[in-house]
N, C-alpha and C. Protein backbone atom coordinates (compact mmCIF):
# COMPACT_ATOMS: atom_id res chain seq x y z
N MET A 1 0.82 -1.18 0.00
CA MET A 1 0.00 0.00 0.00
C MET A 1 0.87 1.25 0.00
N TYR A 2 1.72 1.35 0.98
CA TYR A 2 2.74 2.40 1.03
C TYR A 2 4.05 1.68 1.36
N PRO A 3 4.67 1.03 0.39
CA PRO A 3 5.83 0.17 0.69
C PRO A 3 7.03 0.90 1.29
N ASP A 4 7.08 2.22 1.13
CA ASP A 4 8.22 2.97 1.66
C ASP A 4 7.96 3.54 3.06
N LEU A 5 6.78 3.29 3.60
CA LEU A 5 6.43 3.82 4.92
C LEU A 5 6.38 2.68 5.94
N PRO A 6 6.55 2.98 7.23
CA PRO A 6 6.46 1.93 8.25
C PRO A 6 5.02 1.40 8.38
N LEU A 7 4.90 0.21 8.93
CA LEU A 7 3.59 -0.44 9.09
C LEU A 7 2.61 0.44 9.86
N ASP A 8 3.07 1.19 10.82
CA ASP A 8 2.19 2.06 11.60
C ASP A 8 1.48 3.10 10.73
N ALA A 9 2.01 3.40 9.57
CA ALA A 9 1.41 4.41 8.68
C ALA A 9 0.05 3.97 8.15
N ILE A 10 -0.23 2.67 8.15
CA ILE A 10 -1.52 2.19 7.63
C ILE A 10 -2.51 1.79 8.72
N LYS A 11 -2.09 1.86 9.96
CA LYS A 11 -2.99 1.50 11.05
C LYS A 11 -4.02 2.60 11.27
N LEU A 12 -5.26 2.18 11.53
CA LEU A 12 -6.36 3.11 11.78
C LEU A 12 -6.88 2.90 13.19
N ALA A 13 -7.39 3.96 13.78
CA ALA A 13 -7.93 3.87 15.14
C ALA A 13 -9.09 2.87 15.21
N ASN A 14 -9.85 2.75 14.14
CA ASN A 14 -11.02 1.87 14.17
C ASN A 14 -10.78 0.52 13.48
N ASP A 15 -9.53 0.10 13.33
CA ASP A 15 -9.24 -1.19 12.69
C ASP A 15 -9.98 -2.35 13.33
N ASN A 16 -10.17 -2.31 14.64
CA ASN A 16 -10.87 -3.41 15.32
C ASN A 16 -12.34 -3.48 14.96
N ASP A 17 -12.89 -2.40 14.38
CA ASP A 17 -14.29 -2.39 13.98
C ASP A 17 -14.51 -2.96 12.58
N GLY A 18 -13.44 -3.22 11.86
CA GLY A 18 -13.55 -3.68 10.48
C GLY A 18 -13.46 -5.18 10.36
N ILE A 19 -13.77 -5.64 9.15
CA ILE A 19 -13.57 -7.03 8.76
C ILE A 19 -12.43 -6.99 7.75
N HIS A 20 -11.45 -7.83 7.95
CA HIS A 20 -10.24 -7.79 7.14
C HIS A 20 -10.14 -9.06 6.30
N PHE A 21 -9.93 -8.88 5.01
CA PHE A 21 -9.88 -9.98 4.06
C PHE A 21 -8.50 -10.07 3.46
N GLY A 22 -8.08 -11.28 3.17
CA GLY A 22 -6.82 -11.50 2.48
C GLY A 22 -6.99 -12.57 1.42
N LEU A 23 -6.33 -12.37 0.29
CA LEU A 23 -6.33 -13.34 -0.79
C LEU A 23 -4.94 -13.94 -0.86
N PHE A 24 -4.89 -15.26 -0.83
CA PHE A 24 -3.61 -15.96 -0.90
C PHE A 24 -3.43 -16.57 -2.29
N ALA A 25 -2.25 -16.43 -2.83
CA ALA A 25 -1.88 -17.08 -4.09
C ALA A 25 -0.56 -17.80 -3.86
N ASN A 26 -0.54 -19.07 -4.19
CA ASN A 26 0.67 -19.88 -3.96
C ASN A 26 1.15 -19.77 -2.51
N ASN A 27 0.22 -19.87 -1.60
CA ASN A 27 0.49 -19.84 -0.16
C ASN A 27 1.11 -18.53 0.31
N GLN A 28 0.93 -17.45 -0.44
CA GLN A 28 1.46 -16.14 -0.04
C GLN A 28 0.31 -15.14 0.02
N LEU A 29 0.23 -14.37 1.11
CA LEU A 29 -0.75 -13.30 1.20
C LEU A 29 -0.43 -12.30 0.10
N THR A 30 -1.38 -12.14 -0.83
CA THR A 30 -1.12 -11.38 -2.05
C THR A 30 -1.90 -10.08 -2.11
N SER A 31 -3.17 -10.11 -1.72
CA SER A 31 -4.02 -8.91 -1.72
C SER A 31 -4.76 -8.83 -0.40
N ILE A 32 -5.02 -7.59 0.03
CA ILE A 32 -5.73 -7.37 1.29
C ILE A 32 -6.73 -6.24 1.11
N VAL A 33 -7.73 -6.22 1.98
CA VAL A 33 -8.69 -5.13 2.04
C VAL A 33 -9.37 -5.17 3.41
N SER A 34 -9.72 -4.00 3.92
CA SER A 34 -10.46 -3.89 5.18
C SER A 34 -11.81 -3.26 4.86
N LEU A 35 -12.85 -3.79 5.50
CA LEU A 35 -14.22 -3.37 5.22
C LEU A 35 -14.88 -2.86 6.50
N PHE A 36 -15.55 -1.71 6.37
CA PHE A 36 -16.22 -1.07 7.50
C PHE A 36 -17.63 -0.72 7.07
N ASN A 37 -18.57 -0.76 8.02
CA ASN A 37 -19.93 -0.39 7.64
C ASN A 37 -20.55 0.56 8.65
N SER A 38 -21.51 1.31 8.11
CA SER A 38 -22.36 2.20 8.90
C SER A 38 -23.76 1.99 8.35
N GLY A 39 -24.54 1.21 9.07
CA GLY A 39 -25.86 0.85 8.57
C GLY A 39 -25.72 -0.01 7.32
N ASN A 40 -26.36 0.41 6.23
CA ASN A 40 -26.28 -0.38 5.00
C ASN A 40 -25.31 0.25 3.98
N VAL A 41 -24.41 1.10 4.46
CA VAL A 41 -23.37 1.69 3.63
C VAL A 41 -22.03 1.13 4.09
N TYR A 42 -21.25 0.63 3.14
CA TYR A 42 -19.97 0.01 3.44
C TYR A 42 -18.84 0.78 2.76
N GLN A 43 -17.73 0.88 3.47
CA GLN A 43 -16.51 1.48 2.93
C GLN A 43 -15.39 0.46 3.00
N PHE A 44 -14.63 0.35 1.92
CA PHE A 44 -13.42 -0.46 2.03
C PHE A 44 -12.21 0.45 2.00
N ARG A 45 -11.21 0.02 2.75
CA ARG A 45 -9.97 0.78 2.90
C ARG A 45 -8.81 -0.18 2.83
N LYS A 46 -7.65 0.38 2.66
CA LYS A 46 -6.41 -0.39 2.70
C LYS A 46 -6.44 -1.57 1.72
N PHE A 47 -6.92 -1.30 0.51
CA PHE A 47 -6.99 -2.29 -0.55
C PHE A 47 -5.66 -2.28 -1.29
N ALA A 48 -4.94 -3.39 -1.24
CA ALA A 48 -3.62 -3.42 -1.85
C ALA A 48 -3.25 -4.83 -2.30
N THR A 49 -2.40 -4.87 -3.30
CA THR A 49 -1.82 -6.12 -3.81
C THR A 49 -0.31 -5.93 -3.83
N ILE A 50 0.42 -6.96 -3.42
CA ILE A 50 1.88 -6.83 -3.43
C ILE A 50 2.34 -6.52 -4.86
N VAL A 51 3.38 -5.72 -4.95
CA VAL A 51 3.83 -5.17 -6.23
C VAL A 51 4.06 -6.26 -7.28
N GLU A 52 4.75 -7.31 -6.91
CA GLU A 52 5.10 -8.34 -7.89
C GLU A 52 3.88 -9.13 -8.39
N SER A 53 2.74 -8.99 -7.75
CA SER A 53 1.53 -9.70 -8.17
C SER A 53 0.48 -8.78 -8.78
N GLN A 54 0.78 -7.50 -8.91
CA GLN A 54 -0.18 -6.58 -9.50
C GLN A 54 -0.34 -6.89 -10.99
N GLY A 55 -1.55 -6.65 -11.49
CA GLY A 55 -1.85 -6.88 -12.90
C GLY A 55 -2.19 -8.31 -13.24
N LYS A 56 -2.31 -9.16 -12.23
CA LYS A 56 -2.62 -10.58 -12.47
C LYS A 56 -4.08 -10.94 -12.14
N GLY A 57 -4.87 -9.93 -11.75
CA GLY A 57 -6.28 -10.17 -11.49
C GLY A 57 -6.64 -10.46 -10.04
N TYR A 58 -5.66 -10.47 -9.16
CA TYR A 58 -5.96 -10.78 -7.75
C TYR A 58 -6.81 -9.69 -7.10
N GLY A 59 -6.50 -8.45 -7.36
CA GLY A 59 -7.30 -7.35 -6.81
C GLY A 59 -8.73 -7.41 -7.33
N SER A 60 -8.89 -7.73 -8.60
CA SER A 60 -10.24 -7.85 -9.18
C SER A 60 -11.03 -8.97 -8.50
N LEU A 61 -10.38 -10.08 -8.25
CA LEU A 61 -11.05 -11.19 -7.55
C LEU A 61 -11.49 -10.76 -6.16
N LEU A 62 -10.62 -10.07 -5.46
CA LEU A 62 -10.93 -9.66 -4.09
C LEU A 62 -12.03 -8.60 -4.08
N LEU A 63 -11.98 -7.64 -4.98
CA LEU A 63 -13.02 -6.61 -5.03
C LEU A 63 -14.35 -7.22 -5.41
N ASP A 64 -14.36 -8.14 -6.36
CA ASP A 64 -15.60 -8.82 -6.73
C ASP A 64 -16.19 -9.56 -5.52
N HIS A 65 -15.32 -10.18 -4.74
CA HIS A 65 -15.77 -10.88 -3.53
C HIS A 65 -16.39 -9.89 -2.53
N ILE A 66 -15.75 -8.75 -2.33
CA ILE A 66 -16.25 -7.74 -1.39
C ILE A 66 -17.61 -7.22 -1.85
N ILE A 67 -17.76 -6.97 -3.14
CA ILE A 67 -19.05 -6.49 -3.66
C ILE A 67 -20.15 -7.51 -3.38
N ASN A 68 -19.89 -8.77 -3.68
CA ASN A 68 -20.90 -9.81 -3.42
C ASN A 68 -21.15 -10.00 -1.93
N TYR A 69 -20.11 -9.87 -1.14
CA TYR A 69 -20.23 -10.01 0.31
C TYR A 69 -21.19 -8.96 0.88
N VAL A 70 -20.98 -7.68 0.53
CA VAL A 70 -21.84 -6.63 1.08
C VAL A 70 -23.25 -6.71 0.52
N LYS A 71 -23.39 -7.16 -0.72
CA LYS A 71 -24.73 -7.36 -1.29
C LYS A 71 -25.51 -8.38 -0.47
N SER A 72 -24.82 -9.40 0.03
CA SER A 72 -25.49 -10.45 0.80
C SER A 72 -26.05 -9.92 2.12
N PHE A 73 -25.58 -8.75 2.55
CA PHE A 73 -26.09 -8.12 3.76
C PHE A 73 -27.06 -6.98 3.45
N GLY A 74 -27.46 -6.85 2.19
CA GLY A 74 -28.41 -5.82 1.82
C GLY A 74 -27.82 -4.42 1.74
N ALA A 75 -26.53 -4.32 1.44
CA ALA A 75 -25.88 -3.02 1.35
C ALA A 75 -26.52 -2.17 0.26
N ALA A 76 -26.65 -0.87 0.52
CA ALA A 76 -27.16 0.07 -0.47
C ALA A 76 -26.02 0.71 -1.26
N LYS A 77 -24.85 0.83 -0.62
CA LYS A 77 -23.73 1.50 -1.26
C LYS A 77 -22.42 0.95 -0.75
N LEU A 78 -21.44 0.91 -1.64
CA LEU A 78 -20.06 0.56 -1.30
C LEU A 78 -19.19 1.68 -1.85
N TRP A 79 -18.26 2.17 -1.02
CA TRP A 79 -17.43 3.28 -1.48
C TRP A 79 -16.01 3.15 -0.97
N CYS A 80 -15.13 3.96 -1.58
CA CYS A 80 -13.73 3.97 -1.17
C CYS A 80 -13.09 5.29 -1.54
N ASN A 81 -11.94 5.55 -0.95
CA ASN A 81 -11.06 6.64 -1.35
C ASN A 81 -10.05 6.01 -2.31
N ALA A 82 -10.26 6.19 -3.59
CA ALA A 82 -9.44 5.55 -4.60
C ALA A 82 -8.30 6.46 -5.04
N ARG A 83 -7.17 5.87 -5.33
CA ARG A 83 -6.12 6.64 -5.97
C ARG A 83 -6.66 7.12 -7.31
N VAL A 84 -6.40 8.35 -7.65
CA VAL A 84 -6.87 8.90 -8.92
C VAL A 84 -6.38 8.03 -10.09
N SER A 85 -5.19 7.51 -9.97
CA SER A 85 -4.64 6.65 -11.03
C SER A 85 -5.42 5.34 -11.20
N ALA A 86 -6.23 4.97 -10.20
CA ALA A 86 -6.98 3.71 -10.25
C ALA A 86 -8.44 3.90 -10.67
N ILE A 87 -8.82 5.12 -11.06
CA ILE A 87 -10.21 5.36 -11.46
C ILE A 87 -10.67 4.36 -12.53
N PRO A 88 -9.90 4.11 -13.60
CA PRO A 88 -10.38 3.15 -14.61
C PRO A 88 -10.62 1.75 -14.05
N PHE A 89 -9.80 1.33 -13.09
CA PHE A 89 -9.99 0.02 -12.46
C PHE A 89 -11.36 -0.05 -11.80
N TYR A 90 -11.70 0.95 -11.00
CA TYR A 90 -12.97 0.95 -10.29
C TYR A 90 -14.15 1.13 -11.24
N ASN A 91 -13.96 1.89 -12.31
CA ASN A 91 -15.02 2.06 -13.31
C ASN A 91 -15.45 0.72 -13.89
N LYS A 92 -14.52 -0.22 -14.05
CA LYS A 92 -14.85 -1.55 -14.60
C LYS A 92 -15.85 -2.29 -13.72
N PHE A 93 -15.91 -1.94 -12.45
CA PHE A 93 -16.83 -2.59 -11.51
C PHE A 93 -18.11 -1.79 -11.30
N GLY A 94 -18.25 -0.67 -12.00
CA GLY A 94 -19.43 0.16 -11.88
C GLY A 94 -19.33 1.29 -10.89
N PHE A 95 -18.16 1.49 -10.29
CA PHE A 95 -17.97 2.60 -9.36
C PHE A 95 -18.00 3.92 -10.14
N VAL A 96 -18.57 4.93 -9.51
CA VAL A 96 -18.68 6.25 -10.12
C VAL A 96 -17.83 7.23 -9.31
N GLN A 97 -17.09 8.04 -10.02
CA GLN A 97 -16.24 9.06 -9.41
C GLN A 97 -17.10 10.20 -8.88
N THR A 98 -16.80 10.66 -7.67
CA THR A 98 -17.48 11.84 -7.12
C THR A 98 -16.59 13.07 -7.34
N ASP A 99 -17.02 14.20 -6.83
CA ASP A 99 -16.20 15.41 -6.92
C ASP A 99 -15.41 15.66 -5.64
N LYS A 100 -15.25 14.62 -4.82
CA LYS A 100 -14.55 14.74 -3.54
C LYS A 100 -13.13 14.20 -3.67
N PHE A 101 -12.16 15.10 -3.73
CA PHE A 101 -10.75 14.76 -3.90
C PHE A 101 -9.98 15.09 -2.62
N SER A 102 -8.87 14.38 -2.41
CA SER A 102 -7.99 14.66 -1.28
C SER A 102 -6.58 14.20 -1.66
N THR A 103 -5.61 14.59 -0.85
CA THR A 103 -4.23 14.14 -1.04
C THR A 103 -3.72 13.64 0.30
N ASN A 104 -3.06 12.49 0.26
CA ASN A 104 -2.49 11.89 1.47
C ASN A 104 -1.16 11.26 1.10
N ASN A 105 -0.14 11.54 1.87
CA ASN A 105 1.21 11.02 1.60
C ASN A 105 1.64 11.30 0.16
N GLY A 106 1.25 12.46 -0.38
CA GLY A 106 1.65 12.84 -1.72
C GLY A 106 0.89 12.14 -2.84
N ILE A 107 -0.18 11.43 -2.50
CA ILE A 107 -0.98 10.69 -3.49
C ILE A 107 -2.36 11.31 -3.55
N ASP A 108 -2.85 11.54 -4.77
CA ASP A 108 -4.19 12.10 -4.97
C ASP A 108 -5.24 11.00 -4.94
N PHE A 109 -6.33 11.27 -4.20
CA PHE A 109 -7.42 10.32 -4.04
C PHE A 109 -8.74 10.98 -4.44
N VAL A 110 -9.71 10.15 -4.82
CA VAL A 110 -11.07 10.59 -5.11
C VAL A 110 -12.02 9.55 -4.51
N ILE A 111 -13.14 10.00 -4.01
CA ILE A 111 -14.15 9.07 -3.51
C ILE A 111 -14.87 8.47 -4.69
N MET A 112 -14.92 7.14 -4.71
CA MET A 112 -15.64 6.39 -5.73
C MET A 112 -16.76 5.64 -5.03
N GLU A 113 -17.94 5.61 -5.66
CA GLU A 113 -19.11 4.98 -5.05
C GLU A 113 -19.77 3.99 -6.01
N LEU A 114 -20.28 2.93 -5.44
CA LEU A 114 -21.04 1.92 -6.17
C LEU A 114 -22.40 1.80 -5.52
N GLU A 115 -23.44 2.22 -6.23
CA GLU A 115 -24.80 2.04 -5.75
C GLU A 115 -25.19 0.60 -6.00
N LEU A 116 -25.74 -0.07 -5.00
CA LEU A 116 -26.08 -1.49 -5.12
C LEU A 116 -27.60 -1.65 -5.15
N ASN A 117 -28.06 -2.34 -6.14
CA ASN A 117 -29.50 -2.63 -6.26
C ASN A 117 -29.70 -4.08 -5.89
N ASN A 118 -30.31 -4.31 -4.76
CA ASN A 118 -30.51 -5.69 -4.31
C ASN A 118 -31.84 -6.21 -4.77
């Protein structure tokens, strides 16, 4: 996620409130994501794939799983703070870019939302 920063840089105060998922490939933790909810709205954070495994579809598998997972709980919306460079990736899953931008650790982010019709 931020390979040049210490592990503490990705810890959140509410980490214990989330559900944390990991995808293993060849017995190696390859992709991760943390999921948080407020009512029927879910946010995922800390979505990352190790550098050497990027572009192989692991992130897509994990995101597809998260979408189906929250749908099974009747979620109305799933959203994230996406890297601006990843907008096309999220568009493939139906996420829509909002006008809410931010910068963190020198990286530009935008809120992306997926309205879910159950």
